[in-house]
């Protein structure tokens, strides 16, 4: 009689999923602190008399730094490991939030939130997640990037309503302090204890790889990158960067900063507006995760164009929102494609320029996203100060969303073939391979 179970390996959760969970937690917490900016616009305006354009300068500084640090964060994560980048980033973001609770001058807001917190946020971002994915996963990379994007969205879902509650109940100073303590006391130790830089540290292969040797080979290959100079000679790079500029303009810069004050100006209570942003975050989680699945299964270009087109239409819809049901409907529509652009943009970059260059090049493309976000943040505040409404800012964003859909469709289709396990000897560093992700 044959004993049951003999010779059958025990099913075990691969530690890559633990690292993914910790990464999502870190991105969730830091992104939540960044997304809470809109909660503080009116309290700071009322207490200190700062106009919205002046307050928006902090958001502009924050977004530019957040984007500019992308290439550097990716390079540091490749060289020293994503764990140390995440630890330093969480600590800086927490210190910046705690310091913001003590401010009394506008320059202090620029320094504490606009500079220190933003430097931290620039490290705990999708570029660092991409470095983690390249080390820990040999397959399902688009899906994992989608999950990381969902972590960013969940920060908006969880932290933003908490920030609004603390601000309404105890004041804006305690709201900043509470978010800082969450980062330093709760999230930082979890990352320090559970995150591992590389599967080799635990004697493991990356998820989907056949052996630790294959993992080491893939990691070494990922360090070889197509230069930025070569990539910028191809129109597809600029189409990706331009469409991602629009992504930042229409999402983080305009809606992320100005939706709450816009809703309050139209008679919605702050908690209702904050809850709508939280609902948007919930839809982000669904939309971004689904986007990763769609990218892996059906391709990237057509879905990405549809995301931008629907985003443009939803911004025109926002102009007519008059009640809570319509506000929540907008949150659902906009939230489904708020961050869903990240998986197709990052994996299109890999398809066009080779998987080994996606971290560095996506860092620069992400910088264009943040330039768009910074511009929209300032434009939104300036338009409000001049006209008394955000209408023209939303109209400009809707038009750009539709134009971005056309930009994506203009990206030429590339032949798909299996990516080689190692770069061919003697291959030209100026070549731009069309490899499958």
Protein backbone atom coordinates (compact mmCIF):
# COMPACT_ATOMS: atom_id res chain seq x y z
CA UNK A 1 0.00 0.00 0.00
CA UNK A 2 1.45 3.30 -1.05
CA UNK A 3 1.66 5.96 1.66
CA UNK A 4 -0.02 9.15 0.65
CA UNK A 5 1.90 12.34 0.24
CA UNK A 6 5.31 10.66 -0.03
CA UNK A 7 7.56 12.50 -2.45
CA UNK A 8 5.13 15.39 -2.92
CA UNK A 9 6.64 18.83 -2.24
CA UNK A 10 4.89 20.97 0.32
CA UNK A 11 3.21 24.00 -1.18
CA UNK A 12 4.75 27.12 0.29
CA UNK A 13 4.12 30.79 -0.17
CA UNK A 14 7.06 32.22 -2.06
CA UNK A 15 8.71 34.98 -0.05
CA UNK A 16 8.41 37.25 -3.09
CA UNK A 17 4.77 37.74 -2.10
CA UNK A 18 5.78 38.84 1.40
CA UNK A 19 8.18 41.38 -0.10
CA UNK A 20 5.41 42.52 -2.43
CA UNK A 21 3.07 43.01 0.52
CA UNK A 22 5.66 45.01 2.46
CA UNK A 23 6.39 47.13 -0.61
CA UNK A 24 2.69 47.84 -1.08
CA UNK A 25 2.40 48.83 2.59
CA UNK A 26 5.30 51.27 2.29
CA UNK A 27 3.92 52.81 -0.90
CA UNK A 28 0.44 52.94 0.65
CA UNK A 29 1.57 54.87 3.71
CA UNK A 30 3.83 57.36 1.94
CA UNK A 31 1.41 57.92 -0.95
CA UNK A 32 -1.36 58.51 1.57
CA UNK A 33 0.63 61.31 3.18
CA UNK A 34 1.27 62.89 -0.22
CA UNK A 35 -2.35 62.59 -1.37
CA UNK A 36 -3.64 64.35 1.75
CA UNK A 37 -2.42 67.77 0.56
CA UNK A 38 -5.92 68.88 -0.45
CA UNK A 39 -7.15 68.38 3.13
CA UNK A 40 -4.91 71.22 4.35
CA UNK A 41 -5.49 73.86 1.65
CA UNK A 42 -8.44 75.61 3.31
CA UNK A 43 -7.30 75.26 6.96
CA UNK A 44 -3.93 76.86 6.10
CA UNK A 45 -5.66 79.54 4.04
CA UNK A 46 -7.98 80.40 6.93
CA UNK A 47 -5.37 80.35 9.69
CA UNK A 48 -2.51 82.13 7.95
CA UNK A 49 -4.23 84.06 5.15
CA UNK A 50 -2.14 82.40 2.42
CA UNK A 51 -3.81 82.40 -1.01
CA UNK A 52 -4.27 79.15 -2.89
CA UNK A 53 -1.64 79.91 -5.49
CA UNK A 54 0.96 80.40 -2.71
CA UNK A 55 -0.11 77.16 -1.03
CA UNK A 56 0.00 75.39 -4.41
CA UNK A 57 3.68 76.33 -4.75
CA UNK A 58 4.37 73.71 -2.08
CA UNK A 59 2.50 71.14 -4.14
CA UNK A 60 4.47 72.18 -7.23
CA UNK A 61 7.77 71.76 -5.36
CA UNK A 62 6.59 68.43 -3.98
CA UNK A 63 5.60 67.01 -7.34
CA UNK A 64 8.73 68.17 -9.15
CA UNK A 65 10.99 66.66 -6.50
CA UNK A 66 8.93 63.48 -6.42
CA UNK A 67 9.43 63.05 -10.14
CA UNK A 68 13.02 64.27 -10.35
CA UNK A 69 14.10 61.75 -7.73
CA UNK A 70 12.71 58.83 -9.74
CA UNK A 71 15.82 58.13 -11.83
CA UNK A 72 18.08 58.60 -8.79
CA UNK A 73 15.91 56.36 -6.58
CA UNK A 74 15.96 53.66 -9.23
CA UNK A 75 19.74 53.86 -9.57
CA UNK A 76 20.25 53.72 -5.78
CA UNK A 77 17.85 50.79 -5.51
CA UNK A 78 19.82 48.92 -8.18
CA UNK A 79 23.14 49.64 -6.50
CA UNK A 80 22.32 49.32 -2.78
CA UNK A 81 19.01 47.48 -2.81
CA UNK A 82 15.41 48.72 -2.63
CA UNK A 83 15.21 48.01 1.11
CA UNK A 84 17.60 50.79 2.06
CA UNK A 85 15.93 53.23 -0.31
CA UNK A 86 12.54 52.44 1.24
CA UNK A 87 13.82 52.76 4.81
CA UNK A 88 15.46 56.13 4.19
CA UNK A 89 12.42 57.34 2.27
CA UNK A 90 9.86 56.39 4.93
CA UNK A 91 11.99 58.02 7.62
CA UNK A 92 12.32 61.28 5.67
CA UNK A 93 8.61 61.39 4.81
CA UNK A 94 7.74 60.84 8.47
CA UNK A 95 10.13 63.54 9.68
CA UNK A 96 8.70 65.97 7.13
CA UNK A 97 5.12 65.29 8.23
CA UNK A 98 6.01 65.67 11.92
CA UNK A 99 7.87 68.91 11.23
CA UNK A 100 4.89 70.24 9.23
CA UNK A 101 2.78 70.02 12.39
CA UNK A 102 4.98 72.74 13.95
CA UNK A 103 5.07 75.27 11.08
CA UNK A 104 3.95 78.88 11.31
CA UNK A 105 5.54 80.37 8.16
CA UNK A 106 4.99 79.66 4.47
CA UNK A 107 8.67 78.91 3.88
CA UNK A 108 8.46 76.22 6.57
CA UNK A 109 5.62 74.55 4.66
CA UNK A 110 7.76 74.64 1.53
CA UNK A 111 10.70 73.13 3.44
CA UNK A 112 8.98 70.49 5.59
CA UNK A 113 6.25 69.22 3.28
CA UNK A 114 7.43 70.45 -0.11
CA UNK A 115 11.07 69.36 0.32
CA UNK A 116 11.66 66.81 3.11
CA UNK A 117 8.43 64.82 2.78
CA UNK A 118 8.69 64.90 -1.00
CA UNK A 119 12.25 63.57 -1.03
CA UNK A 120 10.99 60.67 1.06
CA UNK A 121 8.03 60.12 -1.23
CA UNK A 122 10.32 60.14 -4.27
CA UNK A 123 12.11 57.09 -2.92
CA UNK A 124 9.01 55.17 -1.79
CA UNK A 125 7.51 55.20 -5.27
CA UNK A 126 6.80 53.03 -8.31
CA UNK A 127 10.39 53.26 -9.56
CA UNK A 128 11.66 51.54 -6.40
CA UNK A 129 8.87 49.01 -6.72
CA UNK A 130 10.09 48.30 -10.26
CA UNK A 131 13.56 47.58 -8.85
CA UNK A 132 12.01 45.15 -6.37
CA UNK A 133 10.03 43.44 -9.12
CA UNK A 134 13.11 43.01 -11.32
CA UNK A 135 14.89 41.19 -8.47
CA UNK A 136 12.07 39.06 -7.07
CA UNK A 137 9.93 38.18 -10.12
CA UNK A 138 10.83 36.40 -13.34
CA UNK A 139 7.19 36.44 -14.48
CA UNK A 140 3.91 38.28 -13.79
CA UNK A 141 5.77 41.58 -13.63
CA UNK A 142 2.95 43.68 -15.06
CA UNK A 143 0.54 42.22 -12.51
CA UNK A 144 2.92 42.98 -9.63
CA UNK A 145 3.40 46.54 -10.88
CA UNK A 146 -0.38 46.75 -10.93
CA UNK A 147 -0.49 45.60 -7.30
CA UNK A 148 2.14 48.18 -6.37
CA UNK A 149 0.02 50.82 -8.05
CA UNK A 150 -2.95 49.51 -6.09
CA UNK A 151 -0.91 50.06 -2.93
CA UNK A 152 -0.45 53.69 -3.91
CA UNK A 153 -4.19 53.95 -4.51
CA UNK A 154 -5.01 52.30 -1.20
CA UNK A 155 -3.03 55.04 0.54
CA UNK A 156 -5.51 57.54 -0.84
CA UNK A 157 -8.36 55.26 0.25
CA UNK A 158 -7.16 54.84 3.84
CA UNK A 159 -4.88 57.71 4.83
CA UNK A 160 -6.72 60.63 3.22
CA UNK A 161 -10.03 60.14 5.12
CA UNK A 162 -7.99 59.63 8.29
CA UNK A 163 -6.16 62.90 7.68
CA UNK A 164 -9.48 64.68 7.09
CA UNK A 165 -10.96 63.19 10.27
CA UNK A 166 -7.97 64.23 12.37
CA UNK A 167 -8.04 67.73 10.86
CA UNK A 168 -11.75 68.22 11.57
CA UNK A 169 -11.60 66.68 15.06
CA UNK A 170 -8.27 67.92 16.40
CA UNK A 171 -6.88 70.44 13.91
CA UNK A 172 -4.41 70.34 11.05
CA UNK A 173 -1.35 70.15 13.32
CA UNK A 174 -2.49 66.86 14.88
CA UNK A 175 -3.38 65.55 11.43
CA UNK A 176 0.18 66.08 10.19
CA UNK A 177 1.59 64.62 13.43
CA UNK A 178 -0.63 61.54 13.20
CA UNK A 179 0.52 60.76 9.67
CA UNK A 180 4.16 61.23 10.65
CA UNK A 181 3.80 58.81 13.56
CA UNK A 182 2.17 56.19 11.33
CA UNK A 183 5.22 56.28 9.05
CA UNK A 184 7.93 56.29 11.71
CA UNK A 185 6.39 54.09 14.41
CA UNK A 186 4.34 51.58 12.42
CA UNK A 187 5.57 51.26 8.83
CA UNK A 188 9.32 51.75 9.24
CA UNK A 189 9.84 48.74 11.59
CA UNK A 190 7.78 46.44 9.34
CA UNK A 191 9.94 47.25 6.32
CA UNK A 192 13.11 46.87 8.35
CA UNK A 193 12.13 43.45 9.70
CA UNK A 194 10.44 41.78 6.72
CA UNK A 195 11.86 43.27 3.51
CA UNK A 196 14.73 41.50 1.77
CA UNK A 197 16.72 43.02 -1.07
CA UNK A 198 17.24 39.87 -3.09
CA UNK A 199 15.97 36.27 -3.12
CA UNK A 200 19.58 35.07 -2.97
CA UNK A 201 19.73 36.37 0.62
CA UNK A 202 17.29 33.58 1.51
CA UNK A 203 18.68 30.95 -0.86
CA UNK A 204 15.70 31.33 -3.17
CA UNK A 205 15.17 31.79 -6.87
CA UNK A 206 13.03 34.69 -8.01
CA UNK A 207 9.37 33.87 -8.49
CA UNK A 208 8.96 31.95 -11.75
CA UNK A 209 12.70 31.34 -12.20
CA UNK A 210 14.09 27.81 -12.34
CA UNK A 211 17.06 28.38 -10.03
CA UNK A 212 18.95 31.01 -7.99
CA UNK A 213 21.56 31.04 -10.79
CA UNK A 214 18.89 32.08 -13.29
CA UNK A 215 17.79 34.79 -10.86
CA UNK A 216 21.37 36.11 -10.59
CA UNK A 217 21.67 36.07 -14.37
CA UNK A 218 18.42 38.04 -14.74
CA UNK A 219 19.56 40.57 -12.14
CA UNK A 220 22.89 41.08 -13.91
CA UNK A 221 21.07 41.51 -17.21
CA UNK A 222 18.74 44.13 -15.70
CA UNK A 223 21.76 46.28 -14.81
CA UNK A 224 22.53 46.75 -18.54
CA UNK A 225 20.43 49.61 -19.84
CA UNK A 226 19.72 51.36 -23.11
CA UNK A 227 21.06 54.86 -22.64
CA UNK A 228 18.72 57.82 -22.28
CA UNK A 229 20.49 59.46 -25.23
CA UNK A 230 19.57 56.54 -27.51
CA UNK A 231 15.97 56.35 -26.26
CA UNK A 232 15.33 60.07 -26.80
CA UNK A 233 16.10 59.66 -30.51
CA UNK A 234 12.96 57.57 -30.92
CA UNK A 235 9.51 59.26 -31.19
CA UNK A 236 7.92 56.51 -29.10
CA UNK A 237 9.87 57.67 -26.04
CA UNK A 238 8.47 61.18 -26.38
CA UNK A 239 4.95 59.89 -27.01
CA UNK A 240 5.14 57.86 -23.81
CA UNK A 241 6.63 60.78 -21.88
CA UNK A 242 4.08 63.22 -23.33
CA UNK A 243 1.10 61.02 -22.53
CA UNK A 244 2.42 60.44 -19.01
CA UNK A 245 2.83 64.22 -18.63
CA UNK A 246 -0.92 64.43 -19.31
CA UNK A 247 -1.50 61.65 -16.78
CA UNK A 248 0.18 63.73 -14.07
CA UNK A 249 -1.61 66.92 -15.15
CA UNK A 250 -5.07 65.34 -15.06
CA UNK A 251 -4.69 63.20 -11.93
CA UNK A 252 -2.21 63.98 -9.18
CA UNK A 253 -1.76 67.64 -10.02
CA UNK A 254 -5.35 68.72 -10.59
CA UNK A 255 -7.74 66.21 -9.00
CA UNK A 256 -5.39 65.16 -6.21
CA UNK A 257 -4.76 68.75 -5.07
CA UNK A 258 -7.91 70.65 -6.03
CA UNK A 259 -10.90 68.28 -6.01
CA UNK A 260 -11.57 68.63 -2.26
CA UNK A 261 -11.51 72.45 -2.21
CA UNK A 262 -13.56 72.47 -5.45
CA UNK A 263 -16.20 70.23 -3.86
CA UNK A 264 -16.28 72.29 -0.63
CA UNK A 265 -16.70 75.47 -2.70
CA UNK A 266 -19.79 73.86 -4.27
CA UNK A 267 -21.41 73.12 -0.91
CA UNK A 268 -20.18 69.59 -0.18
CA UNK A 269 -19.03 68.95 3.43
CA UNK A 270 -15.31 68.24 3.70
CA UNK A 271 -15.87 64.68 4.95
CA UNK A 272 -18.13 63.98 1.96
CA UNK A 273 -15.47 65.31 -0.41
CA UNK A 274 -12.76 63.33 1.39
CA UNK A 275 -14.91 60.19 1.28
CA UNK A 276 -15.29 60.68 -2.48
CA UNK A 277 -11.50 60.79 -2.73
CA UNK A 278 -11.40 57.63 -0.63
CA UNK A 279 -13.89 55.98 -2.99
CA UNK A 280 -11.66 57.06 -5.86
CA UNK A 281 -8.78 55.31 -4.09
CA UNK A 282 -10.84 52.12 -3.82
CA UNK A 283 -11.56 52.26 -7.54
CA UNK A 284 -7.84 52.86 -8.12
CA UNK A 285 -7.07 49.55 -6.43
CA UNK A 286 -9.51 47.71 -8.68
CA UNK A 287 -8.57 49.58 -11.84
CA UNK A 288 -4.81 49.31 -11.41
CA UNK A 289 -4.86 45.60 -10.55
CA UNK A 290 -7.19 44.90 -13.47
CA UNK A 291 -4.95 46.99 -15.73
CA UNK A 292 -1.95 44.79 -14.91
CA UNK A 293 -3.97 41.68 -15.79
CA UNK A 294 -5.26 43.24 -19.03
CA UNK A 295 -1.73 44.28 -20.03
CA UNK A 296 -0.36 40.78 -19.54
CA UNK A 297 -3.22 39.20 -21.46
CA UNK A 298 -4.33 41.64 -24.17
CA UNK A 299 -1.53 44.15 -24.75
CA UNK A 300 -0.95 47.71 -23.66
CA UNK A 301 -1.49 50.30 -26.38
CA UNK A 302 -5.26 50.14 -26.96
CA UNK A 303 -6.20 49.86 -23.25
CA UNK A 304 -3.89 52.77 -22.40
CA UNK A 305 -5.50 54.95 -25.08
CA UNK A 306 -8.94 54.06 -23.73
CA UNK A 307 -7.89 55.01 -20.19
CA UNK A 308 -6.90 58.51 -21.31
CA UNK A 309 -10.00 58.98 -23.47
CA UNK A 310 -12.37 57.97 -20.64
CA UNK A 311 -10.44 60.16 -18.21
CA UNK A 312 -10.95 63.17 -20.46
CA UNK A 313 -14.70 62.50 -20.66
CA UNK A 314 -14.97 62.09 -16.88
CA UNK A 315 -13.34 65.50 -16.34
CA UNK A 316 -15.98 67.12 -18.53
CA UNK A 317 -18.61 65.28 -16.47
CA UNK A 318 -17.15 66.80 -13.28
CA UNK A 319 -18.16 70.27 -14.47
CA UNK A 320 -21.83 69.32 -14.07
CA UNK A 321 -21.63 67.51 -10.72
CA UNK A 322 -24.20 68.94 -8.30
CA UNK A 323 -25.04 66.29 -5.69
CA UNK A 324 -23.37 63.54 -3.67
CA UNK A 325 -24.49 60.76 -6.03
CA UNK A 326 -22.93 62.51 -9.02
CA UNK A 327 -19.76 63.27 -7.06
CA UNK A 328 -19.40 59.60 -6.13
CA UNK A 329 -20.14 58.57 -9.71
CA UNK A 330 -17.30 60.81 -10.87
CA UNK A 331 -15.04 59.29 -8.20
CA UNK A 332 -15.83 55.80 -9.52
CA UNK A 333 -15.30 56.71 -13.19
CA UNK A 334 -12.13 58.68 -12.61
CA UNK A 335 -10.77 56.29 -10.01
CA UNK A 336 -10.89 53.29 -12.33
CA UNK A 337 -8.19 54.84 -14.54
CA UNK A 338 -6.41 57.14 -12.06
CA UNK A 339 -3.27 54.96 -11.80
CA UNK A 340 -4.22 52.24 -14.29
CA UNK A 341 -1.92 54.00 -16.78
CA UNK A 342 1.18 52.87 -14.85
CA UNK A 343 1.31 49.14 -15.81
CA UNK A 344 0.82 49.73 -19.56
CA UNK A 345 3.24 52.69 -19.61
CA UNK A 346 6.00 50.81 -17.78
CA UNK A 347 5.55 47.62 -19.79
CA UNK A 348 5.30 49.50 -23.10
CA UNK A 349 8.66 51.01 -22.17
CA UNK A 350 9.99 47.48 -21.73
CA UNK A 351 8.52 46.32 -25.05
CA UNK A 352 10.01 49.24 -26.96
CA UNK A 353 13.44 49.56 -25.36
CA UNK A 354 14.12 46.23 -23.65
CA UNK A 355 13.31 44.98 -20.18
CA UNK A 356 16.79 45.71 -18.88
CA UNK A 357 16.27 49.45 -19.42
CA UNK A 358 12.77 49.84 -18.03
CA UNK A 359 13.81 51.04 -14.55
CA UNK A 360 15.98 53.93 -15.66
CA UNK A 361 13.87 55.00 -18.65
CA UNK A 362 10.61 54.70 -16.75
CA UNK A 363 12.17 56.90 -14.09
CA UNK A 364 12.60 59.66 -16.67
CA UNK A 365 9.15 59.10 -18.13
CA UNK A 366 7.77 59.31 -14.60
CA UNK A 367 9.58 62.64 -14.20
CA UNK A 368 7.50 63.97 -17.10
CA UNK A 369 4.41 62.80 -15.19
CA UNK A 370 5.43 64.89 -12.20
CA UNK A 371 6.18 67.96 -14.34
CA UNK A 372 2.61 67.72 -15.60
CA UNK A 373 1.34 67.28 -12.05
CA UNK A 374 3.30 70.27 -10.79
CA UNK A 375 2.05 72.45 -13.64
CA UNK A 376 -1.58 71.47 -13.05
CA UNK A 377 -1.28 72.06 -9.32
CA UNK A 378 -0.13 75.64 -9.88
CA UNK A 379 -2.45 76.28 -12.83
CA UNK A 380 -5.42 75.08 -10.80
CA UNK A 381 -4.63 77.45 -7.95
CA UNK A 382 -3.94 80.37 -10.30
CA UNK A 383 -7.13 79.78 -12.32
CA UNK A 384 -9.13 79.75 -9.09
CA UNK A 385 -7.55 82.97 -7.84
CA UNK A 386 -8.29 84.73 -11.14
CA UNK A 387 -11.77 83.36 -11.96
CA UNK A 388 -13.11 82.14 -8.62
CA UNK A 389 -13.69 78.60 -10.00
CA UNK A 390 -11.70 75.62 -11.27
CA UNK A 391 -13.82 75.20 -14.42
CA UNK A 392 -11.20 76.22 -16.99
CA UNK A 393 -8.58 74.08 -15.28
CA UNK A 394 -10.86 71.02 -15.58
CA UNK A 395 -11.68 71.87 -19.21
CA UNK A 396 -7.98 72.03 -20.09
CA UNK A 397 -7.42 68.66 -18.40
CA UNK A 398 -10.31 67.04 -20.27
CA UNK A 399 -8.95 68.23 -23.62
CA UNK A 400 -5.46 66.98 -22.77
CA UNK A 401 -6.82 63.58 -21.75
CA UNK A 402 -8.36 63.07 -25.18
CA UNK A 403 -5.17 64.29 -26.88
CA UNK A 404 -3.13 61.80 -24.82
CA UNK A 405 -5.28 58.96 -26.19
CA UNK A 406 -4.23 60.02 -29.69
CA UNK A 407 -0.57 60.17 -28.64
CA UNK A 408 -0.68 56.58 -27.40
CA UNK A 409 -2.33 55.37 -30.61
CA UNK A 410 0.51 57.03 -32.56
CA UNK A 411 3.06 54.72 -30.90
CA UNK A 412 3.96 52.14 -33.59
CA UNK A 413 3.27 48.49 -32.98
CA UNK A 414 6.45 46.52 -32.29
CA UNK A 415 7.11 42.86 -33.12
CA UNK A 416 6.88 40.64 -30.06
CA UNK A 417 9.40 37.88 -29.56
CA UNK A 418 10.67 36.05 -26.48
CA UNK A 419 13.25 38.03 -24.56
CA UNK A 420 16.71 36.39 -24.60
CA UNK A 421 18.05 35.10 -21.29
CA UNK A 422 21.31 36.98 -21.79
CA UNK A 423 22.42 39.82 -24.00
CA UNK A 424 24.20 38.58 -27.13
CA UNK A 425 27.95 38.98 -27.09
CA UNK A 426 29.14 41.94 -29.08
CA UNK A 427 25.66 43.47 -29.46
CA UNK A 428 25.63 47.16 -30.12
CA UNK A 429 24.80 49.27 -27.07
CA UNK A 430 22.98 51.65 -29.37
CA UNK A 431 20.45 49.03 -30.44
CA UNK A 432 16.91 49.37 -29.14
CA UNK A 433 15.51 45.85 -28.85
CA UNK A 434 11.80 45.09 -29.08
CA UNK A 435 11.52 42.48 -26.37
CA UNK A 436 8.43 41.12 -24.74
CA UNK A 437 7.85 41.89 -21.15
